[in-house]
Amino acid sequence: MTLPEPLAAVGSHPLQSAIVAIFAVVYLGMFLGGLPKLRLDRTGVALLGAIALIGIGAVSTEAAARSVHLPTVLLLFAFMVVSAQMRLGGFYTAVTRRVAALPLSERGLLGALIAVAGGLSAVFSNDIICLAMTPVVAHICIEKRLDPVPFLVGLACTANIGSAATLIGNPQNMLIGSVLNLSFSGYLSRALPPVALSLLTLWLWLVFVPRQRRAPPAAAVNADNEPKFDAWQTTKGLLVAGSLLVIFLFTDLPRDVAALVGAGILLLSRRFHSSEVMGFIDWELLVLFIGLFVVNHAFQQTGLASLAVAWLGEHGIRLGDSGPLFLVGVTLSNLVSNVPATMLLLPHLSGERAGDTLALVSTLAGNLLLVGSITNLIVSDLARKEGIIIDWRQHVVIGLPITLITLLIVWFWLV
């Protein structure tokens, strides 16, 4: 099979070749999680790629600044502030503890946690929910002498699935909603049914499919690091979050502007110093976004991506069609992670159908492998600190079938 003409001609211009080489190295870093023999993670690779492109003159500093989709970055930052308010107020810990205190069986407790974590992930971001709830769920399993693996892997899968329900549940959905100008209420109405069915499927798989049961570690539970519940600060955060949801659902106000105003209100506090709040901001994720915006912009400017997409279209593979986009979205999301995959595909998409497909598929595909999404890694790392080991084998027993089933649900719902 011969290469399409645009890809075969990459070496015809030195600067173009350099751009393609930097782009390839950056996305190799996205695939590997870093670069061999260098202490770089995905964020460091994306940042250095952007620096290299500016340094060789492929992108001016002004063009680099313009390439960053500021509404998405601002929306992401604003909701990080809202989520920081809820964490500092002890909301997530208190909710998880209250669910655990209910007179429920093990199956009932698992279902209640899935419902709560799924709902919270749709509003406050899946990564935040996993950061806040994982230690508490681990402690609950230790206290109740329950096998912690289904609860913790289930929490990671729940956070991913639940976050797919809205355009603010995860970073890639924020980007898709902003770039394609999707209606918040319209997307919610289309995404909520398959997401709800997927959460039910997760619960059924966890409670009815036999698997090896493991005893929790015989470790003393130390809840000293869990934030204390502050009713006023929690109420303040809930009022802002609730107001933003109402604005998103029933008005056409720019989501990034409304969210920034809400974040500003929360920063006006006599209880929490702004430095405390800023300490909970995921600055690395914001830098990852900025770096990838610059790298992808430079690659788009070569014209190779558009020509390659046109070549694929001539051979019957059209990214705008649900089938090809579905398969490409699943594959790329597991190769380079869902945020980089979304950034690669978005410039070639338009319309709500393509936006819905990419948002649901890129999010649900993250459950396939332990390294498929940051939420899985967060849960695994925090569980290890509690003496609970979750390796890729334990994750794949739950993650693989759940990914396949939930993607089938989305396929039949959309197609």
Protein backbone atom coordinates (compact mmCIF):
# COMPACT_ATOMS: atom_id res chain seq x y z
CA MET A 1 0.00 0.00 0.00
CA THR A 2 1.48 3.33 -1.03
CA LEU A 3 1.41 6.38 1.18
CA PRO A 4 -1.00 9.17 0.31
CA GLU A 5 0.75 11.96 -1.57
CA PRO A 6 0.71 14.51 1.33
CA LEU A 7 2.46 12.08 3.66
CA ALA A 8 4.91 10.92 1.03
CA ALA A 9 5.99 14.54 0.46
CA VAL A 10 6.82 15.33 4.10
CA GLY A 11 10.55 15.63 3.42
CA SER A 12 10.14 18.24 0.70
CA HIS A 13 10.59 21.17 3.07
CA PRO A 14 13.00 21.21 6.05
CA LEU A 15 10.72 23.24 8.35
CA GLN A 16 7.76 21.04 7.53
CA SER A 17 9.86 17.97 8.27
CA ALA A 18 10.89 19.44 11.62
CA ILE A 19 7.25 20.17 12.53
CA VAL A 20 6.20 16.63 11.65
CA ALA A 21 9.13 15.19 13.63
CA ILE A 22 8.27 17.24 16.73
CA PHE A 23 4.60 16.32 16.38
CA ALA A 24 5.52 12.62 16.12
CA VAL A 25 7.79 12.77 19.18
CA VAL A 26 5.11 14.57 21.23
CA TYR A 27 2.47 11.97 20.41
CA LEU A 28 4.95 9.18 21.03
CA GLY A 29 5.27 10.73 24.49
CA MET A 30 1.48 10.73 24.82
CA PHE A 31 1.48 7.01 23.98
CA LEU A 32 4.34 6.08 26.33
CA GLY A 33 3.39 8.49 29.11
CA GLY A 34 6.76 10.19 28.72
CA LEU A 35 10.00 9.79 26.79
CA PRO A 36 12.56 7.02 27.40
CA LYS A 37 15.48 7.90 29.72
CA LEU A 38 14.05 11.38 30.41
CA ARG A 39 12.13 12.36 33.53
CA LEU A 40 9.21 13.73 31.56
CA ASP A 41 5.52 12.97 31.82
CA ARG A 42 2.90 13.78 29.18
CA THR A 43 2.70 17.40 30.33
CA GLY A 44 6.45 17.87 30.09
CA VAL A 45 6.53 16.35 26.61
CA ALA A 46 3.70 18.60 25.36
CA LEU A 47 5.32 21.70 26.86
CA LEU A 48 8.75 20.93 25.38
CA GLY A 49 7.14 20.24 22.01
CA ALA A 50 5.51 23.67 22.04
CA ILE A 51 8.80 25.29 23.11
CA ALA A 52 10.67 23.49 20.31
CA LEU A 53 8.18 24.68 17.68
CA ILE A 54 8.48 28.28 18.87
CA GLY A 55 12.25 27.96 19.08
CA ILE A 56 12.69 26.82 15.47
CA GLY A 57 10.38 29.55 14.22
CA ALA A 58 7.58 27.21 13.13
CA VAL A 59 5.13 29.13 15.34
CA SER A 60 5.48 32.70 16.55
CA THR A 61 4.68 33.48 20.17
CA GLU A 62 1.63 35.46 19.01
CA ALA A 63 0.39 32.55 16.88
CA ALA A 64 1.03 30.15 19.76
CA ALA A 65 -1.09 32.30 22.05
CA ARG A 66 -3.88 32.48 19.48
CA SER A 67 -3.82 28.71 18.99
CA VAL A 68 -4.86 28.11 22.60
CA HIS A 69 -8.64 27.71 22.84
CA LEU A 70 -9.03 30.06 25.80
CA PRO A 71 -12.73 29.36 26.55
CA THR A 72 -11.92 25.70 27.19
CA VAL A 73 -8.91 26.50 29.41
CA LEU A 74 -10.91 29.07 31.39
CA LEU A 75 -13.87 26.72 31.82
CA LEU A 76 -11.58 23.95 33.01
CA PHE A 77 -9.80 26.28 35.45
CA ALA A 78 -13.08 27.67 36.81
CA PHE A 79 -14.48 24.22 37.58
CA MET A 80 -11.22 23.25 39.23
CA VAL A 81 -11.83 26.17 41.62
CA VAL A 82 -15.41 25.01 42.26
CA SER A 83 -14.20 21.46 42.91
CA ALA A 84 -11.44 22.76 45.20
CA GLN A 85 -14.10 24.54 47.25
CA MET A 86 -16.04 21.29 47.63
CA ARG A 87 -12.93 19.34 48.64
CA LEU A 88 -11.81 21.92 51.20
CA GLY A 89 -15.33 21.98 52.61
CA GLY A 90 -15.20 18.20 53.15
CA PHE A 91 -18.23 17.60 50.93
CA TYR A 92 -16.99 14.54 49.06
CA THR A 93 -15.76 12.83 52.22
CA ALA A 94 -18.99 13.56 54.10
CA VAL A 95 -21.20 12.25 51.28
CA THR A 96 -19.17 9.05 50.94
CA ARG A 97 -19.22 8.46 54.70
CA ARG A 98 -22.98 9.03 54.90
CA VAL A 99 -23.59 6.55 52.10
CA ALA A 100 -21.43 3.99 53.91
CA ALA A 101 -23.42 4.54 57.12
CA LEU A 102 -26.68 3.50 55.45
CA PRO A 103 -28.02 0.05 56.42
CA LEU A 104 -27.16 -1.55 53.08
CA SER A 105 -25.84 -4.91 51.97
CA GLU A 106 -22.53 -5.10 50.11
CA ARG A 107 -24.40 -5.02 46.80
CA GLY A 108 -26.55 -2.13 47.97
CA LEU A 109 -23.51 -0.18 49.16
CA LEU A 110 -21.78 -0.72 45.82
CA GLY A 111 -24.86 0.49 43.97
CA ALA A 112 -25.22 3.55 46.17
CA LEU A 113 -21.56 4.51 45.68
CA ILE A 114 -21.88 4.08 41.91
CA ALA A 115 -24.97 6.31 41.85
CA VAL A 116 -23.33 9.01 43.98
CA ALA A 117 -19.92 8.96 42.26
CA GLY A 118 -21.53 8.90 38.82
CA GLY A 119 -23.74 11.88 39.60
CA LEU A 120 -20.93 13.90 41.16
CA SER A 121 -18.56 13.14 38.26
CA ALA A 122 -21.04 14.65 35.83
CA VAL A 123 -20.76 18.00 37.62
CA PHE A 124 -17.45 18.19 39.46
CA SER A 125 -15.09 16.31 37.07
CA ASN A 126 -14.13 12.64 37.20
CA ASP A 127 -10.50 13.22 38.26
CA ILE A 128 -11.56 15.31 41.27
CA ILE A 129 -14.10 12.72 42.39
CA CYS A 130 -11.50 9.96 42.29
CA LEU A 131 -8.94 12.07 44.17
CA ALA A 132 -11.45 12.83 46.92
CA MET A 133 -13.36 9.55 47.20
CA THR A 134 -10.68 6.88 46.71
CA PRO A 135 -9.08 7.12 50.20
CA VAL A 136 -12.52 7.19 51.86
CA VAL A 137 -13.79 4.18 49.90
CA ALA A 138 -10.57 2.31 50.72
CA HIS A 139 -11.03 3.07 54.42
CA ILE A 140 -14.66 1.94 54.28
CA CYS A 141 -13.67 -1.38 52.71
CA ILE A 142 -11.02 -1.92 55.39
CA GLU A 143 -13.47 -1.04 58.18
CA LYS A 144 -16.21 -3.31 56.83
CA ARG A 145 -13.82 -6.12 55.81
CA LEU A 146 -14.95 -5.96 52.17
CA ASP A 147 -12.96 -6.88 49.07
CA PRO A 148 -11.74 -3.42 48.03
CA VAL A 149 -10.89 -4.17 44.37
CA PRO A 150 -14.46 -4.16 42.96
CA PHE A 151 -15.23 -0.98 44.89
CA LEU A 152 -12.12 0.89 43.76
CA VAL A 153 -11.99 -0.26 40.15
CA GLY A 154 -15.75 0.32 40.09
CA LEU A 155 -15.17 3.87 41.37
CA ALA A 156 -12.73 4.62 38.53
CA CYS A 157 -15.09 3.18 35.90
CA THR A 158 -18.03 5.02 37.45
CA ALA A 159 -16.22 8.34 37.38
CA ASN A 160 -15.41 7.91 33.70
CA ILE A 161 -18.91 6.79 32.74
CA GLY A 162 -20.69 9.43 34.84
CA SER A 163 -18.52 12.24 33.51
CA ALA A 164 -19.68 11.45 29.97
CA ALA A 165 -23.20 12.65 30.82
CA THR A 166 -22.39 16.38 30.61
CA LEU A 167 -20.15 18.84 28.82
CA ILE A 168 -18.41 19.72 32.11
CA GLY A 169 -17.78 16.21 33.43
CA ASN A 170 -14.27 15.87 32.04
CA PRO A 171 -11.68 17.94 30.13
CA GLN A 172 -12.29 16.40 26.71
CA ASN A 173 -16.04 17.03 26.94
CA MET A 174 -15.39 20.66 27.89
CA LEU A 175 -13.21 20.99 24.80
CA ILE A 176 -15.72 19.29 22.50
CA GLY A 177 -18.60 21.40 23.81
CA SER A 178 -16.66 24.64 23.45
CA VAL A 179 -15.16 24.02 20.00
CA LEU A 180 -18.32 22.56 18.42
CA ASN A 181 -20.61 24.96 20.31
CA LEU A 182 -22.86 22.15 21.55
CA SER A 183 -25.99 22.89 23.57
CA PHE A 184 -25.52 21.88 27.20
CA SER A 185 -29.12 20.76 27.68
CA GLY A 186 -29.24 19.11 24.24
CA TYR A 187 -26.13 17.05 24.90
CA LEU A 188 -27.38 16.08 28.37
CA SER A 189 -30.68 14.81 26.99
CA ARG A 190 -28.88 12.70 24.39
CA ALA A 191 -26.08 11.39 26.62
CA LEU A 192 -27.94 10.71 29.87
CA PRO A 193 -29.82 7.54 28.76
CA PRO A 194 -26.75 5.57 27.56
CA VAL A 195 -24.73 6.80 30.56
CA ALA A 196 -27.43 5.71 33.03
CA LEU A 197 -27.71 2.32 31.33
CA SER A 198 -23.91 1.98 31.39
CA LEU A 199 -23.78 2.68 35.14
CA LEU A 200 -26.47 0.04 35.72
CA THR A 201 -24.46 -2.41 33.60
CA LEU A 202 -21.35 -1.70 35.67
CA TRP A 203 -23.21 -2.47 38.89
CA LEU A 204 -24.66 -5.70 37.49
CA TRP A 205 -21.22 -6.84 36.32
CA LEU A 206 -19.59 -6.08 39.66
CA VAL A 207 -22.19 -7.84 41.83
CA PHE A 208 -23.23 -10.83 39.74
CA VAL A 209 -20.14 -11.94 37.79
CA PRO A 210 -18.06 -14.35 39.95
CA ARG A 211 -14.45 -13.46 40.54
CA GLN A 212 -11.72 -14.17 43.04
CA ARG A 213 -12.43 -12.39 46.32
CA ARG A 214 -9.56 -10.75 48.18
CA ALA A 215 -9.47 -9.79 51.81
CA PRO A 216 -8.71 -6.13 52.54
CA PRO A 217 -5.31 -5.32 54.06
CA ALA A 218 -5.15 -5.62 57.83
CA ALA A 219 -4.17 -1.99 58.24
CA ALA A 220 -5.26 0.56 60.76
CA VAL A 221 -7.61 3.13 59.33
CA ASN A 222 -6.28 6.65 59.65
CA ALA A 223 -8.88 9.25 58.74
CA ASP A 224 -6.87 12.19 60.10
CA ASN A 225 -6.07 13.39 56.60
CA GLU A 226 -9.72 13.46 55.53
CA PRO A 227 -10.95 17.07 55.38
CA LYS A 228 -13.47 18.08 58.05
CA PHE A 229 -16.98 18.87 56.90
CA ASP A 230 -17.80 22.59 56.78
CA ALA A 231 -21.51 23.11 56.22
CA TRP A 232 -21.28 26.77 55.16
CA GLN A 233 -18.39 26.31 52.72
CA THR A 234 -20.08 23.25 51.23
CA THR A 235 -23.37 25.13 50.87
CA LYS A 236 -21.54 28.01 49.23
CA GLY A 237 -19.94 25.67 46.71
CA LEU A 238 -23.21 23.85 46.00
CA LEU A 239 -25.04 27.13 45.43
CA VAL A 240 -22.46 28.25 42.88
CA ALA A 241 -22.40 24.85 41.15
CA GLY A 242 -26.21 24.69 41.10
CA SER A 243 -26.48 28.22 39.73
CA LEU A 244 -24.00 27.39 36.97
CA LEU A 245 -26.00 24.32 35.98
CA VAL A 246 -29.17 26.40 35.76
CA ILE A 247 -27.35 28.98 33.61
CA PHE A 248 -25.95 26.27 31.34
CA LEU A 249 -29.31 24.53 30.97
CA PHE A 250 -31.61 27.49 30.46
CA THR A 251 -29.57 30.39 29.08
CA ASP A 252 -27.19 31.07 26.21
CA LEU A 253 -24.60 32.85 28.35
CA PRO A 254 -21.02 31.78 27.53
CA ARG A 255 -20.19 28.86 29.80
CA ASP A 256 -16.60 29.95 30.38
CA VAL A 257 -17.63 33.47 31.47
CA ALA A 258 -20.34 32.21 33.82
CA ALA A 259 -17.99 29.64 35.35
CA LEU A 260 -15.26 32.26 35.86
CA VAL A 261 -17.70 34.53 37.69
CA GLY A 262 -18.69 31.59 39.89
CA ALA A 263 -15.05 30.81 40.63
CA GLY A 264 -14.43 34.47 41.48
CA ILE A 265 -17.30 34.41 43.99
CA LEU A 266 -15.82 31.36 45.70
CA LEU A 267 -12.39 32.99 45.90
CA LEU A 268 -13.96 35.83 47.94
CA SER A 269 -13.63 33.88 51.17
CA ARG A 270 -12.67 34.66 54.76
CA ARG A 271 -12.24 30.96 55.53
CA PHE A 272 -10.01 29.62 52.74
CA HIS A 273 -6.90 31.48 51.63
CA SER A 274 -6.63 31.74 47.85
CA SER A 275 -3.33 29.83 48.01
CA GLU A 276 -5.19 26.86 49.54
CA VAL A 277 -7.65 26.84 46.68
CA MET A 278 -4.92 27.26 44.08
CA GLY A 279 -3.12 24.30 45.60
CA PHE A 280 -5.94 22.06 44.35
CA ILE A 281 -5.77 23.36 40.77
CA ASP A 282 -4.39 20.78 38.34
CA TRP A 283 -1.89 23.13 36.72
CA GLU A 284 -0.22 20.25 34.89
CA LEU A 285 -3.44 19.46 33.05
CA LEU A 286 -3.83 23.10 32.03
CA VAL A 287 -0.23 23.16 30.74
CA LEU A 288 -0.86 19.89 28.88
CA PHE A 289 -3.82 21.52 27.12
CA ILE A 290 -1.82 24.62 26.21
CA GLY A 291 1.16 22.63 24.91
CA LEU A 292 -1.01 20.34 22.78
CA PHE A 293 -2.94 23.29 21.36
CA VAL A 294 0.34 24.77 20.07
CA VAL A 295 1.69 21.45 18.75
CA ASN A 296 -1.57 20.56 16.97
CA HIS A 297 -1.85 24.08 15.53
CA ALA A 298 1.62 23.82 13.99
CA PHE A 299 0.82 20.43 12.50
CA GLN A 300 -2.51 21.68 11.12
CA GLN A 301 -0.68 24.55 9.44
CA THR A 302 1.35 22.10 7.36
CA GLY A 303 -1.88 21.02 5.67
CA LEU A 304 -0.89 17.37 6.01
CA ALA A 305 -3.70 16.49 8.41
CA SER A 306 -6.42 17.91 6.16
CA LEU A 307 -4.96 16.24 3.10
CA ALA A 308 -4.68 12.91 4.90
CA VAL A 309 -8.31 13.15 6.08
CA ALA A 310 -9.38 14.00 2.51
CA TRP A 311 -7.41 11.00 1.22
CA LEU A 312 -9.13 8.73 3.73
CA GLY A 313 -12.49 10.15 2.63
CA GLU A 314 -11.73 9.29 -0.97
CA HIS A 315 -11.17 5.71 0.16
CA GLY A 316 -14.50 5.51 1.98
CA ILE A 317 -13.28 6.37 5.50
CA ARG A 318 -15.03 9.59 6.52
CA LEU A 319 -14.37 10.79 10.06
CA GLY A 320 -17.68 12.65 10.07
CA ASP A 321 -19.53 9.32 9.85
CA SER A 322 -20.37 7.68 13.16
CA GLY A 323 -18.81 4.30 12.35
CA PRO A 324 -15.28 5.44 11.42
CA LEU A 325 -15.28 8.11 14.14
CA PHE A 326 -16.36 5.51 16.69
CA LEU A 327 -13.52 3.14 15.80
CA VAL A 328 -10.88 5.85 15.43
CA GLY A 329 -11.98 7.49 18.70
CA VAL A 330 -11.70 4.23 20.66
CA THR A 331 -8.31 3.39 19.14
CA LEU A 332 -6.70 6.81 19.56
CA SER A 333 -8.05 7.26 23.09
CA ASN A 334 -6.27 4.10 24.20
CA LEU A 335 -3.09 4.87 22.27
CA VAL A 336 -2.45 8.48 23.30
CA SER A 337 -5.15 9.08 26.00
CA ASN A 338 -8.51 10.74 25.47
CA VAL A 339 -7.53 14.43 25.69
CA PRO A 340 -4.78 14.25 23.01
CA ALA A 341 -7.02 12.03 20.87
CA THR A 342 -9.85 14.56 21.09
CA MET A 343 -7.53 17.41 20.11
CA LEU A 344 -6.33 15.46 17.06
CA LEU A 345 -9.83 14.67 15.81
CA LEU A 346 -11.76 17.87 16.61
CA PRO A 347 -10.46 20.05 13.74
CA HIS A 348 -11.96 17.58 11.26
CA LEU A 349 -15.42 17.31 12.85
CA SER A 350 -18.57 19.39 12.92
CA GLY A 351 -22.13 19.02 14.15
CA GLU A 352 -23.73 17.65 17.29
CA ARG A 353 -23.78 14.02 16.10
CA ALA A 354 -20.00 13.96 15.71
CA GLY A 355 -19.61 15.83 19.00
CA ASP A 356 -21.85 13.36 20.86
CA THR A 357 -20.00 10.39 19.41
CA LEU A 358 -16.54 11.69 20.23
CA ALA A 359 -17.51 12.81 23.76
CA LEU A 360 -19.06 9.48 24.72
CA VAL A 361 -16.57 7.22 22.96
CA SER A 362 -13.38 8.99 24.07
CA THR A 363 -14.58 8.95 27.69
CA LEU A 364 -15.86 5.38 27.89
CA ALA A 365 -12.79 4.03 26.08
CA GLY A 366 -10.71 5.19 29.05
CA ASN A 367 -11.99 2.25 31.12
CA LEU A 368 -10.35 -0.35 28.86
CA LEU A 369 -6.82 -0.32 30.32
CA LEU A 370 -5.33 0.81 33.61
CA VAL A 371 -3.32 3.44 31.72
CA GLY A 372 -6.31 4.40 29.57
CA SER A 373 -7.30 7.38 31.70
CA ILE A 374 -5.87 9.47 34.52
CA THR A 375 -8.79 8.48 36.77
CA ASN A 376 -7.67 4.83 36.72
CA LEU A 377 -4.12 5.82 37.64
CA ILE A 378 -5.33 8.13 40.43
CA VAL A 379 -7.36 5.32 42.01
CA SER A 380 -4.50 2.82 41.64
CA ASP A 381 -1.91 5.17 43.17
CA LEU A 382 -4.10 6.23 46.09
CA ALA A 383 -5.15 2.64 46.77
CA ARG A 384 -1.49 1.59 46.95
CA LYS A 385 -0.97 4.12 49.75
CA GLU A 386 -3.67 2.27 51.70
CA GLY A 387 -1.97 -1.08 51.13
CA ILE A 388 -4.32 -2.14 48.31
CA ILE A 389 -2.65 -3.24 45.07
CA ILE A 390 -4.59 -2.84 41.83
CA ASP A 391 -2.52 -4.04 38.88
CA TRP A 392 -3.44 -4.11 35.20
CA ARG A 393 -4.72 -7.69 35.43
CA GLN A 394 -7.20 -6.85 38.19
CA HIS A 395 -8.32 -3.78 36.30
CA VAL A 396 -8.77 -5.51 32.94
CA VAL A 397 -11.09 -8.16 34.44
CA ILE A 398 -13.57 -5.36 35.09
CA GLY A 399 -12.45 -2.66 32.67
CA LEU A 400 -12.34 -4.72 29.47
CA PRO A 401 -15.87 -6.15 29.55
CA ILE A 402 -17.37 -2.94 30.88
CA THR A 403 -15.72 -0.93 28.09
CA LEU A 404 -16.97 -3.31 25.41
CA ILE A 405 -20.51 -3.44 26.79
CA THR A 406 -20.83 0.30 27.37
CA LEU A 407 -19.44 1.07 23.91
CA LEU A 408 -22.02 -1.32 22.43
CA ILE A 409 -24.72 0.55 24.35
CA VAL A 410 -23.50 3.84 22.91
CA TRP A 411 -23.22 2.32 19.42
CA PHE A 412 -26.83 1.17 19.40
CA TRP A 413 -27.99 4.42 20.97
CA LEU A 414 -26.23 6.65 18.44
CA VAL A 415 -26.16 4.52 15.31
